[in-house]
Amino acid sequence: MKKLLLATAATALLTGAASAEEIKLGILFGFTGPLETMSPDMQRGAELAISEVNEAGNLLEGSTVRAVTGDTTCIDAAAATAAAERLITAEGVHGIVGGMCSGETIAILENVALPNGVVMVSPSATSPALSTIEDNGLFFRTSPSDARQGEVMADLILEKDIDTVAVSYTNNDYGKGLADSFAASFTEKGGTVTVNSAHDDGKPDYSAEVAALASAGGDALVVVGYVDQGGSGIVRGALDTGAFDTFVFPDGMISNTLTSSFGSEIDGSFGQNPAGEGEGRDTFVELAEAAGFDGTGTFAGESYDAAALILLAMAKAGSSDPNVYKDSVVDIANEPGEKIMPGELGRAIEIIAEGGDVDYVGATAVELIEPGESAGVYRELSFEGGEMSVVGYR
């Protein structure tokens, strides 16, 4: 009888350890700053995954998930670090969807997440530097590295018979990383970069920068910047002076703000940003519309996928402890297993509970390669008649 009582007590302790809890999931984006117009749809994307899991009610013995947000400003490392410290030390989050921009993501990872052992899955930090950073297996991203975006952008430009370009990049980890990656690829493929120069965000006037770009010349201007900041300032200056009339826009510039600000003035321009295609993306866009936000917004799908990967990894590991479930993130994202689309997170948790495997496809055709990198799909965009349209995927 004593042995039975002891066994029962032990079972009770184990059950208590796995019993329902409130799981806090941090969302760290630049709600103010150079990409603030992108943040609302990204937040809603992450929250859509959270609400889906809560409605299913089958995560970790019926645990509930609550989003806790923090503003990184996207460009202020000190503010980003302070926001992350609040979420981790005061709020006690079990994982973070974020950061948003590369520089603040690096600061958060090195200064806060890594010392405290907290998983981060960024939907939008794309600097190649994050591929080799020491992360103790805690950092993942659902958008691909800019090492690949540089190659894609070089191909798009050359395919349009443009072989000389000037480059203006925002003066931070994201801007320099992508600009250098692009320049190396473009030159290797036979193109010429006339100038590869930095611009600072927050300036009221970019005439000096535009004059230098115009002096160097080129058949198009590649603007590796932020749509709510200096990137748009460079475009406006170039248009007003007639320095350039064809622009190439990477992910930091892809937003409805671009067309609302410039309309038909940028007709003939083009660009690219990470985005999935197929059943998963179509389903996510429908779910987002029903939830009242734009699922085609830049990095909205990646944000849904980032939150989903964290929550499904918890289910796979049977724990909300980041140092336990971090080892399940790649397993969830890749084959083998039943393919999981947006709207099927509850079903995925059921499969896992039954001892089965899942292959999370999600909104952006997630496939993680070591070390936690997204293989990535890009959509090609064109600007005509004051509208932005999707040309294809690659």
Protein backbone atom coordinates (compact mmCIF):
# COMPACT_ATOMS: atom_id res chain seq x y z
CA MET A 1 0.00 0.00 0.00
CA LYS A 2 2.85 2.37 0.85
CA LYS A 3 4.46 1.73 -2.55
CA LEU A 4 1.12 2.37 -4.24
CA LEU A 5 0.70 5.67 -2.40
CA LEU A 6 4.22 6.72 -3.33
CA ALA A 7 3.61 5.82 -6.96
CA THR A 8 0.34 7.76 -6.93
CA ALA A 9 2.08 10.79 -5.42
CA ALA A 10 4.81 10.63 -8.05
CA THR A 11 2.23 10.43 -10.79
CA ALA A 12 0.45 13.43 -9.33
CA LEU A 13 3.67 15.43 -9.36
CA LEU A 14 4.31 14.56 -12.97
CA THR A 15 0.76 15.42 -13.92
CA GLY A 16 1.06 18.74 -12.13
CA ALA A 17 4.23 19.52 -14.07
CA ALA A 18 2.39 18.95 -17.34
CA SER A 19 -0.92 20.44 -16.27
CA ALA A 20 -2.59 23.39 -17.95
CA GLU A 21 -0.81 26.73 -17.64
CA GLU A 22 -0.87 30.19 -19.15
CA ILE A 23 1.83 30.29 -21.80
CA LYS A 24 3.04 33.77 -22.63
CA LEU A 25 4.34 34.34 -26.13
CA GLY A 26 6.24 37.56 -26.77
CA ILE A 27 5.72 39.56 -29.97
CA LEU A 28 8.62 41.97 -30.48
CA PHE A 29 8.19 44.17 -33.55
CA GLY A 30 8.93 47.73 -34.55
CA PHE A 31 5.53 49.20 -33.76
CA THR A 32 7.19 52.59 -34.12
CA GLY A 33 10.04 53.38 -36.47
CA PRO A 34 10.91 52.82 -40.13
CA LEU A 35 8.69 49.76 -40.67
CA GLU A 36 5.80 50.64 -38.40
CA THR A 37 3.22 50.29 -41.20
CA MET A 38 4.18 46.63 -41.62
CA SER A 39 3.89 45.76 -37.93
CA PRO A 40 0.07 45.62 -37.52
CA ASP A 41 -0.44 42.85 -40.10
CA MET A 42 2.58 40.99 -38.74
CA GLN A 43 1.18 41.18 -35.21
CA ARG A 44 -2.23 40.00 -36.38
CA GLY A 45 -0.57 37.11 -38.21
CA ALA A 46 1.14 35.89 -35.04
CA GLU A 47 -2.02 36.42 -32.99
CA LEU A 48 -4.05 34.43 -35.53
CA ALA A 49 -1.91 31.37 -34.80
CA ILE A 50 -2.29 31.95 -31.06
CA SER A 51 -6.07 32.27 -31.24
CA GLU A 52 -6.27 29.14 -33.39
CA VAL A 53 -4.40 27.11 -30.78
CA ASN A 54 -6.51 28.56 -27.98
CA GLU A 55 -9.71 27.65 -29.82
CA ALA A 56 -8.48 24.09 -30.27
CA GLY A 57 -7.83 23.90 -26.52
CA ASN A 58 -5.52 20.90 -26.76
CA LEU A 59 -2.04 22.34 -26.24
CA LEU A 60 -0.25 20.92 -23.18
CA GLU A 61 -3.27 19.64 -21.25
CA GLY A 62 -5.46 22.57 -22.29
CA SER A 63 -2.99 25.38 -21.66
CA THR A 64 -3.91 28.83 -22.93
CA VAL A 65 -1.59 31.15 -24.83
CA ARG A 66 -1.45 34.90 -24.30
CA ALA A 67 0.42 37.36 -26.50
CA VAL A 68 2.61 39.98 -24.81
CA THR A 69 3.90 42.73 -27.10
CA GLY A 70 6.96 44.94 -27.02
CA ASP A 71 8.15 47.74 -29.29
CA THR A 72 11.70 47.38 -30.59
CA THR A 73 11.49 50.54 -32.76
CA CYS A 74 13.30 48.39 -35.32
CA ILE A 75 16.47 50.51 -35.23
CA ASP A 76 17.24 51.34 -31.59
CA ALA A 77 19.19 48.45 -30.06
CA ALA A 78 18.89 49.86 -26.53
CA ALA A 79 15.10 50.19 -26.81
CA ALA A 80 14.84 46.71 -28.30
CA THR A 81 16.96 45.23 -25.52
CA ALA A 82 14.86 46.96 -22.86
CA ALA A 83 11.63 45.70 -24.44
CA ALA A 84 12.99 42.15 -24.55
CA GLU A 85 14.17 42.33 -20.94
CA ARG A 86 10.68 43.37 -19.85
CA LEU A 87 9.05 40.51 -21.72
CA ILE A 88 11.49 37.90 -20.46
CA THR A 89 12.22 38.97 -16.88
CA ALA A 90 8.99 40.74 -15.90
CA GLU A 91 6.38 39.03 -18.06
CA GLY A 92 8.06 35.61 -18.14
CA VAL A 93 7.43 34.83 -21.80
CA HIS A 94 8.12 31.28 -22.97
CA GLY A 95 9.26 32.33 -26.44
CA ILE A 96 9.49 35.32 -28.74
CA VAL A 97 8.16 36.00 -32.21
CA GLY A 98 10.73 38.56 -33.34
CA GLY A 99 12.72 40.67 -33.61
CA MET A 100 11.76 42.52 -36.72
CA CYS A 101 14.87 44.25 -38.09
CA SER A 102 18.25 42.56 -38.16
CA GLY A 103 20.27 44.88 -35.93
CA GLU A 104 17.83 44.89 -33.05
CA THR A 105 17.31 41.14 -33.44
CA ILE A 106 21.04 40.58 -33.00
CA ALA A 107 21.02 42.84 -29.92
CA ILE A 108 18.06 41.03 -28.37
CA LEU A 109 19.53 37.61 -29.05
CA GLU A 110 22.99 38.35 -27.71
CA ASN A 111 22.01 40.53 -24.74
CA VAL A 112 18.77 39.00 -23.51
CA ALA A 113 17.46 35.84 -25.17
CA LEU A 114 20.69 33.85 -25.16
CA PRO A 115 21.65 34.61 -21.52
CA ASN A 116 18.10 33.75 -20.40
CA GLY A 117 17.67 30.69 -22.63
CA VAL A 118 14.61 31.94 -24.56
CA VAL A 119 13.70 30.82 -28.09
CA MET A 120 13.33 33.50 -30.78
CA VAL A 121 11.73 32.93 -34.18
CA SER A 122 12.03 36.02 -36.36
CA PRO A 123 9.70 36.46 -39.31
CA SER A 124 11.68 39.28 -40.92
CA ALA A 125 15.30 39.65 -39.72
CA THR A 126 17.23 38.70 -42.84
CA SER A 127 20.86 39.73 -42.30
CA PRO A 128 23.37 37.06 -43.37
CA ALA A 129 25.16 37.73 -40.06
CA LEU A 130 22.38 35.85 -38.27
CA SER A 131 23.34 32.65 -40.10
CA THR A 132 26.59 32.29 -38.18
CA ILE A 133 25.84 34.00 -34.88
CA GLU A 134 26.27 31.95 -31.69
CA ASP A 135 22.72 31.14 -30.59
CA ASN A 136 22.88 27.85 -28.62
CA GLY A 137 20.09 26.52 -30.84
CA LEU A 138 17.65 29.22 -29.67
CA PHE A 139 17.28 31.31 -32.85
CA PHE A 140 15.28 30.50 -35.97
CA ARG A 141 13.72 32.53 -38.77
CA THR A 142 10.90 31.98 -41.22
CA SER A 143 12.25 34.44 -43.80
CA PRO A 144 15.36 33.52 -45.79
CA SER A 145 18.77 35.13 -45.44
CA ASP A 146 19.59 38.14 -47.59
CA ALA A 147 22.44 36.12 -49.04
CA ARG A 148 19.74 34.49 -51.14
CA GLN A 149 17.74 37.68 -51.69
CA GLY A 150 20.84 39.32 -53.15
CA GLU A 151 21.09 36.56 -55.75
CA VAL A 152 17.39 36.72 -56.59
CA MET A 153 17.51 40.50 -57.02
CA ALA A 154 20.58 40.28 -59.25
CA ASP A 155 18.82 37.75 -61.49
CA LEU A 156 15.66 39.87 -61.76
CA ILE A 157 17.61 42.96 -62.78
CA LEU A 158 19.74 41.22 -65.39
CA GLU A 159 16.71 39.47 -66.86
CA LYS A 160 15.31 42.94 -67.61
CA ASP A 161 18.47 43.81 -69.58
CA ILE A 162 19.62 46.27 -66.92
CA ASP A 163 23.34 45.84 -66.38
CA THR A 164 24.35 49.00 -64.50
CA VAL A 165 22.79 50.09 -61.20
CA ALA A 166 23.46 52.43 -58.31
CA VAL A 167 22.73 51.19 -54.79
CA SER A 168 21.57 53.19 -51.77
CA TYR A 169 21.27 51.26 -48.52
CA THR A 170 20.12 52.10 -45.01
CA ASN A 171 23.15 52.31 -42.75
CA ASN A 172 22.63 49.26 -40.52
CA ASP A 173 23.09 45.48 -40.45
CA TYR A 174 20.15 44.81 -42.75
CA GLY A 175 21.04 47.45 -45.32
CA LYS A 176 24.75 46.76 -45.55
CA GLY A 177 24.27 42.98 -45.48
CA LEU A 178 21.80 42.94 -48.37
CA ALA A 179 23.59 45.62 -50.37
CA ASP A 180 26.90 43.77 -50.16
CA SER A 181 25.27 40.43 -50.94
CA PHE A 182 23.54 41.90 -53.98
CA ALA A 183 26.62 43.75 -55.23
CA ALA A 184 28.75 40.60 -55.05
CA SER A 185 26.17 38.51 -56.90
CA PHE A 186 25.38 41.18 -59.52
CA THR A 187 29.06 41.74 -60.30
CA GLU A 188 29.76 38.02 -60.48
CA LYS A 189 26.92 37.62 -62.99
CA GLY A 190 28.30 40.36 -65.23
CA GLY A 191 26.57 43.51 -63.96
CA THR A 192 28.15 46.77 -62.82
CA VAL A 193 27.43 48.57 -59.55
CA THR A 194 28.32 52.22 -60.12
CA VAL A 195 28.14 53.13 -56.44
CA ASN A 196 27.14 51.30 -53.25
CA SER A 197 26.53 54.00 -50.64
CA ALA A 198 24.79 54.29 -47.29
CA HIS A 199 22.03 56.67 -46.23
CA ASP A 200 20.91 57.44 -42.69
CA ASP A 201 17.27 57.28 -41.68
CA GLY A 202 15.38 60.19 -40.17
CA LYS A 203 16.79 62.97 -42.32
CA PRO A 204 14.49 65.71 -43.67
CA ASP A 205 16.45 65.99 -46.91
CA TYR A 206 18.38 63.52 -49.06
CA SER A 207 19.53 65.83 -51.84
CA ALA A 208 23.22 65.26 -51.13
CA GLU A 209 22.84 61.46 -51.23
CA VAL A 210 20.77 61.64 -54.41
CA ALA A 211 23.30 63.94 -56.08
CA ALA A 212 26.09 61.44 -55.41
CA LEU A 213 23.97 58.59 -56.76
CA ALA A 214 23.10 60.60 -59.88
CA SER A 215 26.74 61.44 -60.46
CA ALA A 216 27.66 57.75 -60.40
CA GLY A 217 24.79 56.97 -62.77
CA GLY A 218 23.12 53.69 -63.66
CA ASP A 219 20.08 52.40 -65.51
CA ALA A 220 18.21 51.85 -62.23
CA LEU A 221 18.51 52.66 -58.53
CA VAL A 222 18.41 49.80 -56.02
CA VAL A 223 16.91 51.13 -52.78
CA VAL A 224 17.83 48.86 -49.86
CA GLY A 225 15.95 50.88 -47.28
CA TYR A 226 12.85 51.25 -45.15
CA VAL A 227 9.59 52.36 -46.70
CA ASP A 228 8.61 54.53 -43.72
CA GLN A 229 12.00 56.19 -43.49
CA GLY A 230 15.06 57.03 -45.58
CA GLY A 231 14.26 54.62 -48.38
CA SER A 232 11.24 56.65 -49.39
CA GLY A 233 13.25 59.84 -48.89
CA ILE A 234 15.82 58.62 -51.43
CA VAL A 235 13.06 57.72 -53.92
CA ARG A 236 11.38 61.10 -53.53
CA GLY A 237 14.65 62.94 -54.04
CA ALA A 238 15.50 60.89 -57.12
CA LEU A 239 12.09 61.48 -58.66
CA ASP A 240 12.06 65.20 -57.93
CA THR A 241 15.47 65.73 -59.51
CA GLY A 242 15.00 63.29 -62.38
CA ALA A 243 18.09 61.37 -61.26
CA PHE A 244 16.38 57.99 -61.70
CA ASP A 245 12.97 56.84 -62.87
CA THR A 246 13.39 53.07 -62.47
CA PHE A 247 13.78 51.62 -59.00
CA VAL A 248 14.44 48.15 -57.61
CA PHE A 249 12.80 47.47 -54.24
CA PRO A 250 13.76 44.65 -51.85
CA ASP A 251 11.67 43.52 -48.87
CA GLY A 252 12.14 46.55 -46.61
CA MET A 253 10.45 48.73 -49.22
CA ILE A 254 7.59 46.41 -50.18
CA SER A 255 4.42 47.82 -48.67
CA ASN A 256 1.18 49.42 -49.74
CA THR A 257 2.72 52.61 -48.36
CA LEU A 258 5.03 52.60 -51.37
CA THR A 259 2.20 52.81 -53.89
CA SER A 260 0.13 55.21 -51.79
CA SER A 261 3.13 57.55 -51.52
CA PHE A 262 4.36 57.43 -55.13
CA GLY A 263 1.52 56.01 -57.23
CA SER A 264 2.31 55.97 -60.97
CA GLU A 265 5.57 57.90 -60.42
CA ILE A 266 7.34 54.55 -59.93
CA ASP A 267 5.72 52.76 -62.88
CA GLY A 268 8.23 50.44 -64.52
CA SER A 269 9.93 49.68 -61.24
CA PHE A 270 10.05 46.21 -59.71
CA GLY A 271 11.23 44.23 -56.72
CA GLN A 272 10.92 41.13 -54.60
CA ASN A 273 10.16 40.00 -51.08
CA PRO A 274 9.91 36.67 -49.24
CA ALA A 275 6.44 35.12 -49.64
CA GLY A 276 5.10 31.62 -50.09
CA GLU A 277 2.77 30.40 -52.79
CA GLY A 278 0.21 27.68 -53.21
CA GLU A 279 -2.41 26.18 -50.93
CA GLY A 280 -0.87 27.34 -47.66
CA ARG A 281 -0.60 30.97 -48.68
CA ASP A 282 -4.08 31.01 -50.23
CA THR A 283 -5.60 29.53 -47.09
CA PHE A 284 -3.76 31.98 -44.85
CA VAL A 285 -4.94 34.96 -46.90
CA GLU A 286 -8.54 33.73 -46.56
CA LEU A 287 -8.18 33.21 -42.81
CA ALA A 288 -6.62 36.65 -42.42
CA GLU A 289 -9.44 38.29 -44.35
CA ALA A 290 -11.98 36.61 -42.09
CA ALA A 291 -10.00 37.88 -39.09
CA GLY A 292 -10.01 41.42 -40.44
CA PHE A 293 -6.46 41.99 -41.67
CA ASP A 294 -4.41 41.76 -44.86
CA GLY A 295 -2.77 38.37 -45.18
CA THR A 296 -0.80 39.54 -48.21
CA GLY A 297 0.99 42.13 -46.05
CA THR A 298 4.77 41.82 -46.00
CA PHE A 299 5.89 39.23 -43.43
CA ALA A 300 2.33 38.62 -42.16
CA GLY A 301 2.48 34.97 -43.22
CA GLU A 302 5.98 34.56 -41.83
CA SER A 303 4.72 35.91 -38.49
CA TYR A 304 1.89 33.36 -38.39
CA ASP A 305 4.41 30.63 -39.13
CA ALA A 306 6.85 31.85 -36.47
CA ALA A 307 4.19 31.64 -33.75
CA ALA A 308 2.90 28.31 -35.05
CA LEU A 309 6.38 26.75 -35.01
CA ILE A 310 6.93 27.73 -31.38
CA LEU A 311 3.56 26.39 -30.23
CA LEU A 312 3.78 23.13 -32.19
CA ALA A 313 7.35 22.59 -30.94
CA MET A 314 6.00 22.90 -27.40
CA ALA A 315 3.41 20.25 -28.21
CA LYS A 316 6.06 17.98 -29.72
CA ALA A 317 8.36 18.37 -26.70
CA GLY A 318 5.54 18.18 -24.17
CA SER A 319 6.90 21.30 -22.52
CA SER A 320 6.76 25.09 -22.69
CA ASP A 321 10.38 25.29 -21.50
CA PRO A 322 12.42 26.89 -24.32
CA ASN A 323 15.48 24.82 -23.49
CA VAL A 324 13.39 21.69 -24.04
CA TYR A 325 11.21 22.58 -27.02
CA LYS A 326 14.02 24.30 -28.98
CA ASP A 327 15.14 20.85 -30.13
CA SER A 328 11.74 20.17 -31.70
CA VAL A 329 11.41 23.24 -33.93
CA VAL A 330 13.25 21.80 -36.94
CA ASP A 331 11.43 18.46 -36.53
CA ILE A 332 8.09 20.25 -36.72
CA ALA A 333 9.08 22.29 -39.77
CA ASN A 334 10.38 19.48 -41.96
CA GLU A 335 9.51 16.05 -43.29
CA PRO A 336 8.50 13.39 -42.47
CA GLY A 337 4.94 13.80 -41.31
CA GLU A 338 1.45 14.89 -42.25
CA LYS A 339 1.54 18.26 -43.98
CA ILE A 340 -0.03 21.02 -41.89
CA MET A 341 -1.58 24.11 -43.46
CA PRO A 342 -2.87 27.30 -41.83
CA GLY A 343 -6.05 26.57 -39.92
CA GLU A 344 -4.85 23.08 -38.98
CA LEU A 345 -2.83 23.77 -35.84
CA GLY A 346 -5.33 21.98 -33.59
CA ARG A 347 -5.19 18.94 -35.86
CA ALA A 348 -1.38 19.06 -35.74
CA ILE A 349 -1.44 18.97 -31.94
CA GLU A 350 -3.80 15.96 -32.08
CA ILE A 351 -1.41 14.09 -34.39
CA ILE A 352 1.52 14.85 -32.11
CA ALA A 353 -0.43 13.71 -29.03
CA GLU A 354 -1.17 10.42 -30.80
CA GLY A 355 2.54 9.88 -31.42
CA GLY A 356 2.52 10.93 -35.06
CA ASP A 357 4.75 13.29 -37.01
CA VAL A 358 3.82 16.55 -38.69
CA ASP A 359 5.49 18.49 -41.49
CA TYR A 360 4.51 22.11 -40.96
CA VAL A 361 4.01 23.84 -44.33
CA GLY A 362 2.11 26.86 -43.07
CA ALA A 363 1.57 30.12 -44.90
CA THR A 364 5.04 30.35 -46.45
CA ALA A 365 5.97 26.76 -47.35
CA VAL A 366 8.25 26.50 -44.31
CA GLU A 367 11.36 24.40 -44.70
CA LEU A 368 14.19 24.91 -42.22
CA ILE A 369 17.78 24.14 -43.07
CA GLU A 370 20.61 24.19 -40.57
CA PRO A 371 21.09 26.21 -38.47
CA GLY A 372 17.39 27.13 -38.28
CA GLU A 373 17.43 28.94 -41.62
CA SER A 374 14.45 29.21 -43.96
CA ALA A 375 15.06 27.86 -47.47
CA GLY A 376 12.83 30.67 -48.73
CA VAL A 377 10.58 31.52 -51.65
CA TYR A 378 10.43 35.02 -53.16
CA ARG A 379 7.64 36.71 -55.07
CA GLU A 380 8.51 39.02 -57.95
CA LEU A 381 6.58 42.28 -57.98
CA SER A 382 5.99 44.95 -60.62
CA PHE A 383 4.67 48.50 -60.39
CA GLU A 384 2.37 49.69 -63.17
CA GLY A 385 -0.56 52.11 -63.23
CA GLY A 386 0.15 53.11 -59.65
CA GLU A 387 -0.44 49.53 -58.45
CA MET A 388 1.77 46.76 -57.14
CA SER A 389 1.16 43.31 -58.63
CA VAL A 390 2.67 39.86 -58.27
CA VAL A 391 4.45 38.60 -61.37
CA GLY A 392 5.57 35.20 -60.15
CA TYR A 393 7.61 33.26 -57.60
CA ARG A 394 11.12 31.93 -57.47
